[in-house]
Structures are given as structure tokens and as C-alpha cells.
Amino acid sequence: MRRSAALVVAVVACGGVLSACGSGSTPEREADAVGTAASVGLEESAVRVSFAHDAGYEYFDGTVFVLHDGVTVVGAASAASDITAGDRLRVWTGACAESFPVQCEVEAVEVLDLSP
């Protein structure tokens, strides 16, 4: 009986984690970076976004965010390949390499406005 209860708890916990990852939404915290896509380059398996940060987000000065297929994109664009220079962005990051410019894994991007 004790083994069954532990198994149920583990399955429920894992299910919650997996549903949060695959939900197609942004993390439930403030964005790590807010700014504009200064330029966008399409590669074979990723989109590279040169980021122009807003005031207060100087940590990301000169950063190029690499958006792989698994990165969640929401808002005014439905995919990373829809992002163009001039679009306003909110970006959630994971681990960052302390370099200049900083290099961060991207968790999610919200496109606030599409450029005209």
C-alpha cells in the first residue's frame, strides 16, 4: 500500500511538471529582459535575435538570444520565425553564461508588438 501511494504521488508530481512545460505559456514570474529585436537572423535550426534592451535591463547589453524550436513564443507572433526587427519583446531566460555580452538559454518570448 505504501509503495502504491508513493507511486501515485510521483506520477501526479511529474504530470504537473510536464503540463507546465508543454503549456505554450510564459513562466509565472516577471520577464528577465524587455526590449526590442534590433535584428533577426534565421539559421537552419534557430532564430538569432540581436536584442536592444529597455532601461533597467542593461545586463543584456549586446545580447543575441538564440531561439531554438523548443522555445515558447506567445503574443503577437506564433513562432520564433515570425519575429522581425523592431518587434517589442519580453524574454524569460534560464541559465546565463557570465560573459560580455551575456549568453542565456531562452525559456520563452512574448512578442508585444509587431513592427510596422
N, C-alpha and C. Protein backbone atom coordinates (compact mmCIF):
# COMPACT_ATOMS: atom_id res chain seq x y z
N MET A 1 0.82 -1.19 0.00
CA MET A 1 0.00 0.00 0.00
C MET A 1 0.86 1.25 0.00
N ARG A 2 1.90 1.25 0.82
CA ARG A 2 2.78 2.40 0.91
C ARG A 2 3.46 2.65 -0.43
N ARG A 3 3.88 1.58 -1.12
CA ARG A 3 4.52 1.70 -2.43
C ARG A 3 3.55 2.31 -3.44
N SER A 4 2.30 1.92 -3.44
CA SER A 4 1.29 2.45 -4.36
C SER A 4 1.07 3.95 -4.13
N ALA A 5 1.00 4.35 -2.90
CA ALA A 5 0.80 5.76 -2.57
C ALA A 5 1.98 6.59 -3.06
N ALA A 6 3.20 6.09 -2.88
CA ALA A 6 4.38 6.81 -3.33
C ALA A 6 4.39 6.93 -4.85
N LEU A 7 3.96 5.88 -5.54
CA LEU A 7 3.90 5.89 -7.00
C LEU A 7 2.88 6.92 -7.48
N VAL A 8 1.72 6.98 -6.86
CA VAL A 8 0.69 7.96 -7.23
C VAL A 8 1.22 9.38 -7.03
N VAL A 9 1.88 9.64 -5.93
CA VAL A 9 2.44 10.96 -5.67
C VAL A 9 3.47 11.33 -6.74
N ALA A 10 4.34 10.38 -7.11
CA ALA A 10 5.36 10.64 -8.12
C ALA A 10 4.74 10.92 -9.48
N VAL A 11 3.72 10.17 -9.85
CA VAL A 11 3.06 10.37 -11.14
C VAL A 11 2.38 11.73 -11.19
N VAL A 12 1.68 12.10 -10.13
CA VAL A 12 1.00 13.41 -10.08
C VAL A 12 2.02 14.53 -10.15
N ALA A 13 3.11 14.42 -9.41
CA ALA A 13 4.14 15.46 -9.43
C ALA A 13 4.75 15.60 -10.81
N CYS A 14 5.08 14.48 -11.45
CA CYS A 14 5.66 14.54 -12.79
C CYS A 14 4.68 15.10 -13.80
N GLY A 15 3.42 14.74 -13.68
CA GLY A 15 2.40 15.25 -14.60
C GLY A 15 2.28 16.76 -14.50
N GLY A 16 2.35 17.30 -13.30
CA GLY A 16 2.29 18.75 -13.13
C GLY A 16 3.46 19.45 -13.78
N VAL A 17 4.63 18.88 -13.63
CA VAL A 17 5.82 19.47 -14.24
C VAL A 17 5.73 19.43 -15.75
N LEU A 18 5.33 18.30 -16.30
CA LEU A 18 5.25 18.17 -17.75
C LEU A 18 4.17 19.06 -18.34
N SER A 19 3.04 19.20 -17.68
CA SER A 19 1.99 20.05 -18.23
C SER A 19 2.41 21.51 -18.21
N ALA A 20 3.19 21.92 -17.23
CA ALA A 20 3.67 23.31 -17.19
C ALA A 20 4.65 23.57 -18.30
N CYS A 21 5.49 22.58 -18.62
CA CYS A 21 6.48 22.77 -19.67
C CYS A 21 5.86 22.81 -21.05
N GLY A 22 4.81 22.06 -21.27
CA GLY A 22 4.22 21.98 -22.59
C GLY A 22 3.02 22.88 -22.77
N SER A 23 2.80 23.82 -21.88
CA SER A 23 1.56 24.60 -21.90
C SER A 23 1.54 25.69 -22.96
N GLY A 24 2.68 26.05 -23.52
CA GLY A 24 2.69 27.12 -24.51
C GLY A 24 2.47 28.48 -23.89
N SER A 25 2.82 28.64 -22.63
CA SER A 25 2.67 29.92 -21.97
C SER A 25 4.00 30.34 -21.36
N THR A 26 4.05 31.58 -20.92
CA THR A 26 5.27 32.10 -20.32
C THR A 26 5.34 31.68 -18.85
N PRO A 27 6.55 31.68 -18.29
CA PRO A 27 6.70 31.36 -16.86
C PRO A 27 5.91 32.34 -15.99
N GLU A 28 5.53 31.88 -14.82
CA GLU A 28 4.75 32.71 -13.90
C GLU A 28 5.66 33.57 -13.03
N ARG A 29 6.46 34.39 -13.68
CA ARG A 29 7.33 35.36 -13.00
C ARG A 29 7.56 36.51 -13.97
N GLU A 30 8.13 37.57 -13.49
CA GLU A 30 8.43 38.72 -14.36
C GLU A 30 9.44 38.30 -15.42
N ALA A 31 9.33 38.91 -16.59
CA ALA A 31 10.30 38.64 -17.65
C ALA A 31 11.68 39.08 -17.20
N ASP A 32 12.71 38.37 -17.67
CA ASP A 32 14.08 38.71 -17.32
C ASP A 32 14.60 39.88 -18.15
N ALA A 33 14.07 40.04 -19.37
CA ALA A 33 14.54 41.10 -20.27
C ALA A 33 13.36 41.67 -21.04
N VAL A 34 13.37 42.98 -21.22
CA VAL A 34 12.34 43.67 -22.01
C VAL A 34 13.07 44.60 -22.96
N GLY A 35 12.67 44.58 -24.22
CA GLY A 35 13.32 45.44 -25.20
C GLY A 35 12.78 45.19 -26.60
N THR A 36 13.66 45.41 -27.58
CA THR A 36 13.28 45.34 -28.99
C THR A 36 14.22 44.41 -29.74
N ALA A 37 13.67 43.72 -30.72
CA ALA A 37 14.51 42.93 -31.63
C ALA A 37 15.21 43.91 -32.57
N ALA A 38 16.51 44.10 -32.39
CA ALA A 38 17.27 45.04 -33.22
C ALA A 38 17.48 44.46 -34.61
N SER A 39 17.77 43.16 -34.67
CA SER A 39 17.88 42.45 -35.94
C SER A 39 17.57 40.99 -35.69
N VAL A 40 17.18 40.30 -36.76
CA VAL A 40 16.80 38.90 -36.64
C VAL A 40 17.46 38.13 -37.78
N GLY A 41 18.10 37.01 -37.43
CA GLY A 41 18.72 36.14 -38.43
C GLY A 41 18.16 34.74 -38.33
N LEU A 42 17.79 34.19 -39.45
CA LEU A 42 17.27 32.83 -39.48
C LEU A 42 18.40 31.87 -39.81
N GLU A 43 18.52 30.83 -39.00
CA GLU A 43 19.50 29.77 -39.23
C GLU A 43 18.75 28.49 -39.52
N GLU A 44 19.48 27.44 -39.76
CA GLU A 44 18.87 26.15 -40.05
C GLU A 44 17.94 25.67 -38.95
N SER A 45 18.38 25.76 -37.71
CA SER A 45 17.59 25.21 -36.61
C SER A 45 17.25 26.22 -35.52
N ALA A 46 17.47 27.51 -35.78
CA ALA A 46 17.22 28.51 -34.76
C ALA A 46 17.03 29.89 -35.38
N VAL A 47 16.49 30.79 -34.55
CA VAL A 47 16.37 32.20 -34.91
C VAL A 47 17.26 32.97 -33.95
N ARG A 48 18.12 33.83 -34.48
CA ARG A 48 19.03 34.63 -33.66
C ARG A 48 18.48 36.06 -33.60
N VAL A 49 18.19 36.54 -32.39
CA VAL A 49 17.62 37.87 -32.19
C VAL A 49 18.64 38.75 -31.47
N SER A 50 19.16 39.76 -32.18
CA SER A 50 20.01 40.77 -31.52
C SER A 50 19.07 41.66 -30.72
N PHE A 51 19.35 41.78 -29.44
CA PHE A 51 18.42 42.40 -28.51
C PHE A 51 18.87 43.79 -28.10
N ALA A 52 17.97 44.76 -28.24
CA ALA A 52 18.21 46.13 -27.75
C ALA A 52 17.34 46.30 -26.50
N HIS A 53 17.98 46.32 -25.33
CA HIS A 53 17.27 46.32 -24.06
C HIS A 53 16.64 47.67 -23.74
N ASP A 54 15.58 47.64 -22.95
CA ASP A 54 14.98 48.85 -22.39
C ASP A 54 15.80 49.27 -21.16
N ALA A 55 15.57 50.49 -20.68
CA ALA A 55 16.22 50.97 -19.46
C ALA A 55 15.88 50.02 -18.32
N GLY A 56 16.88 49.67 -17.54
CA GLY A 56 16.72 48.76 -16.42
C GLY A 56 17.12 47.33 -16.74
N TYR A 57 17.40 47.07 -18.00
CA TYR A 57 17.78 45.72 -18.42
C TYR A 57 19.16 45.73 -19.07
N GLU A 58 20.05 46.57 -18.57
CA GLU A 58 21.39 46.73 -19.13
C GLU A 58 22.23 45.47 -19.06
N TYR A 59 21.87 44.55 -18.19
CA TYR A 59 22.57 43.27 -18.09
C TYR A 59 22.62 42.58 -19.46
N PHE A 60 21.63 42.83 -20.30
CA PHE A 60 21.51 42.18 -21.61
C PHE A 60 22.09 43.01 -22.74
N ASP A 61 22.93 43.99 -22.42
CA ASP A 61 23.55 44.84 -23.44
C ASP A 61 24.36 43.99 -24.42
N GLY A 62 24.01 44.07 -25.70
CA GLY A 62 24.73 43.33 -26.73
C GLY A 62 24.35 41.87 -26.89
N THR A 63 23.37 41.41 -26.13
CA THR A 63 22.99 40.00 -26.17
C THR A 63 22.30 39.62 -27.47
N VAL A 64 22.61 38.43 -27.93
CA VAL A 64 21.90 37.80 -29.04
C VAL A 64 21.20 36.58 -28.46
N PHE A 65 19.87 36.59 -28.48
CA PHE A 65 19.11 35.44 -27.99
C PHE A 65 18.96 34.44 -29.13
N VAL A 66 19.25 33.17 -28.84
CA VAL A 66 19.10 32.10 -29.83
C VAL A 66 17.82 31.35 -29.47
N LEU A 67 16.86 31.38 -30.38
CA LEU A 67 15.56 30.76 -30.15
C LEU A 67 15.48 29.46 -30.94
N HIS A 68 15.65 28.35 -30.24
CA HIS A 68 15.55 27.02 -30.85
C HIS A 68 14.08 26.63 -30.96
N ASP A 69 13.81 25.55 -31.63
CA ASP A 69 12.44 25.08 -31.86
C ASP A 69 11.64 24.90 -30.57
N GLY A 70 12.27 24.52 -29.48
CA GLY A 70 11.56 24.26 -28.23
C GLY A 70 11.19 25.48 -27.43
N VAL A 71 11.61 26.68 -27.85
CA VAL A 71 11.32 27.90 -27.10
C VAL A 71 9.87 28.31 -27.33
N THR A 72 9.17 28.58 -26.24
CA THR A 72 7.78 29.02 -26.32
C THR A 72 7.74 30.46 -26.83
N VAL A 73 6.90 30.71 -27.85
CA VAL A 73 6.68 32.06 -28.37
C VAL A 73 5.19 32.33 -28.31
N VAL A 74 4.82 33.43 -27.64
CA VAL A 74 3.41 33.80 -27.49
C VAL A 74 3.23 35.26 -27.84
N GLY A 75 1.98 35.69 -27.88
CA GLY A 75 1.68 37.09 -28.14
C GLY A 75 1.38 37.35 -29.60
N ALA A 76 1.93 38.44 -30.13
CA ALA A 76 1.64 38.88 -31.49
C ALA A 76 2.27 38.00 -32.56
N ALA A 77 3.18 37.13 -32.20
CA ALA A 77 3.79 36.18 -33.15
C ALA A 77 3.55 34.77 -32.61
N SER A 78 3.37 33.82 -33.50
CA SER A 78 3.10 32.45 -33.06
C SER A 78 4.32 31.54 -33.13
N ALA A 79 5.41 32.03 -33.73
CA ALA A 79 6.64 31.24 -33.84
C ALA A 79 7.83 32.18 -33.86
N ALA A 80 8.99 31.65 -33.48
CA ALA A 80 10.21 32.47 -33.48
C ALA A 80 10.51 33.03 -34.86
N SER A 81 10.19 32.27 -35.90
CA SER A 81 10.47 32.72 -37.27
C SER A 81 9.59 33.89 -37.69
N ASP A 82 8.53 34.19 -36.92
CA ASP A 82 7.66 35.34 -37.21
C ASP A 82 8.21 36.64 -36.64
N ILE A 83 9.22 36.58 -35.77
CA ILE A 83 9.78 37.78 -35.15
C ILE A 83 10.61 38.53 -36.18
N THR A 84 10.43 39.86 -36.24
CA THR A 84 11.20 40.69 -37.15
C THR A 84 11.81 41.86 -36.39
N ALA A 85 12.80 42.50 -37.01
CA ALA A 85 13.45 43.66 -36.40
C ALA A 85 12.39 44.72 -36.09
N GLY A 86 12.48 45.28 -34.90
CA GLY A 86 11.54 46.30 -34.46
C GLY A 86 10.44 45.78 -33.55
N ASP A 87 10.27 44.47 -33.48
CA ASP A 87 9.24 43.89 -32.61
C ASP A 87 9.63 44.12 -31.15
N ARG A 88 8.64 44.42 -30.30
CA ARG A 88 8.85 44.58 -28.86
C ARG A 88 8.73 43.21 -28.21
N LEU A 89 9.68 42.90 -27.30
CA LEU A 89 9.77 41.56 -26.72
C LEU A 89 9.89 41.59 -25.20
N ARG A 90 9.33 40.57 -24.60
CA ARG A 90 9.63 40.21 -23.21
C ARG A 90 10.24 38.83 -23.28
N VAL A 91 11.37 38.63 -22.59
CA VAL A 91 12.12 37.38 -22.70
C VAL A 91 12.35 36.79 -21.31
N TRP A 92 12.09 35.48 -21.20
CA TRP A 92 12.39 34.73 -19.98
C TRP A 92 13.58 33.86 -20.26
N THR A 93 14.58 33.91 -19.39
CA THR A 93 15.80 33.15 -19.61
C THR A 93 16.00 32.10 -18.52
N GLY A 94 16.83 31.13 -18.86
CA GLY A 94 17.27 30.14 -17.90
C GLY A 94 18.69 30.48 -17.50
N ALA A 95 19.57 29.52 -17.57
CA ALA A 95 20.97 29.72 -17.20
C ALA A 95 21.64 30.71 -18.14
N CYS A 96 22.49 31.57 -17.57
CA CYS A 96 23.24 32.56 -18.36
C CYS A 96 24.73 32.40 -18.11
N ALA A 97 25.51 32.50 -19.18
CA ALA A 97 26.97 32.49 -19.07
C ALA A 97 27.41 33.92 -18.79
N GLU A 98 28.13 34.11 -17.72
CA GLU A 98 28.58 35.44 -17.33
C GLU A 98 29.73 35.88 -18.23
N SER A 99 29.39 36.38 -19.37
CA SER A 99 30.37 36.85 -20.35
C SER A 99 29.88 38.20 -20.85
N PHE A 100 30.61 38.81 -21.74
CA PHE A 100 30.12 40.02 -22.39
C PHE A 100 30.17 39.83 -23.88
N PRO A 101 29.02 39.90 -24.53
CA PRO A 101 27.71 40.03 -23.89
C PRO A 101 27.28 38.73 -23.23
N VAL A 102 26.35 38.87 -22.29
CA VAL A 102 25.84 37.69 -21.58
C VAL A 102 25.16 36.77 -22.59
N GLN A 103 25.31 35.46 -22.35
CA GLN A 103 24.69 34.45 -23.22
C GLN A 103 23.75 33.61 -22.36
N CYS A 104 22.47 33.64 -22.71
CA CYS A 104 21.46 32.97 -21.89
C CYS A 104 20.65 31.97 -22.69
N GLU A 105 20.26 30.90 -22.03
CA GLU A 105 19.29 29.98 -22.60
C GLU A 105 17.93 30.68 -22.53
N VAL A 106 17.15 30.60 -23.59
CA VAL A 106 15.84 31.25 -23.62
C VAL A 106 14.76 30.23 -23.31
N GLU A 107 13.91 30.55 -22.34
CA GLU A 107 12.78 29.71 -21.99
C GLU A 107 11.54 30.08 -22.80
N ALA A 108 11.25 31.39 -22.88
CA ALA A 108 10.04 31.84 -23.55
C ALA A 108 10.20 33.29 -24.00
N VAL A 109 9.43 33.65 -25.03
CA VAL A 109 9.42 35.01 -25.56
C VAL A 109 7.97 35.41 -25.77
N GLU A 110 7.62 36.60 -25.32
CA GLU A 110 6.33 37.18 -25.64
C GLU A 110 6.57 38.34 -26.58
N VAL A 111 5.94 38.29 -27.74
CA VAL A 111 6.05 39.38 -28.71
C VAL A 111 4.90 40.33 -28.39
N LEU A 112 5.26 41.55 -27.93
CA LEU A 112 4.26 42.52 -27.51
C LEU A 112 3.64 43.25 -28.69
N ASP A 113 4.47 43.70 -29.61
CA ASP A 113 4.01 44.42 -30.80
C ASP A 113 4.83 43.95 -31.98
N LEU A 114 4.18 43.84 -33.11
CA LEU A 114 4.90 43.57 -34.34
C LEU A 114 5.31 44.91 -34.95
N SER A 115 6.49 44.98 -35.51
CA SER A 115 6.93 46.22 -36.15
C SER A 115 6.07 46.47 -37.38
N PRO A 116 5.90 47.76 -37.73
CA PRO A 116 5.06 48.09 -38.90
C PRO A 116 5.66 47.60 -40.20
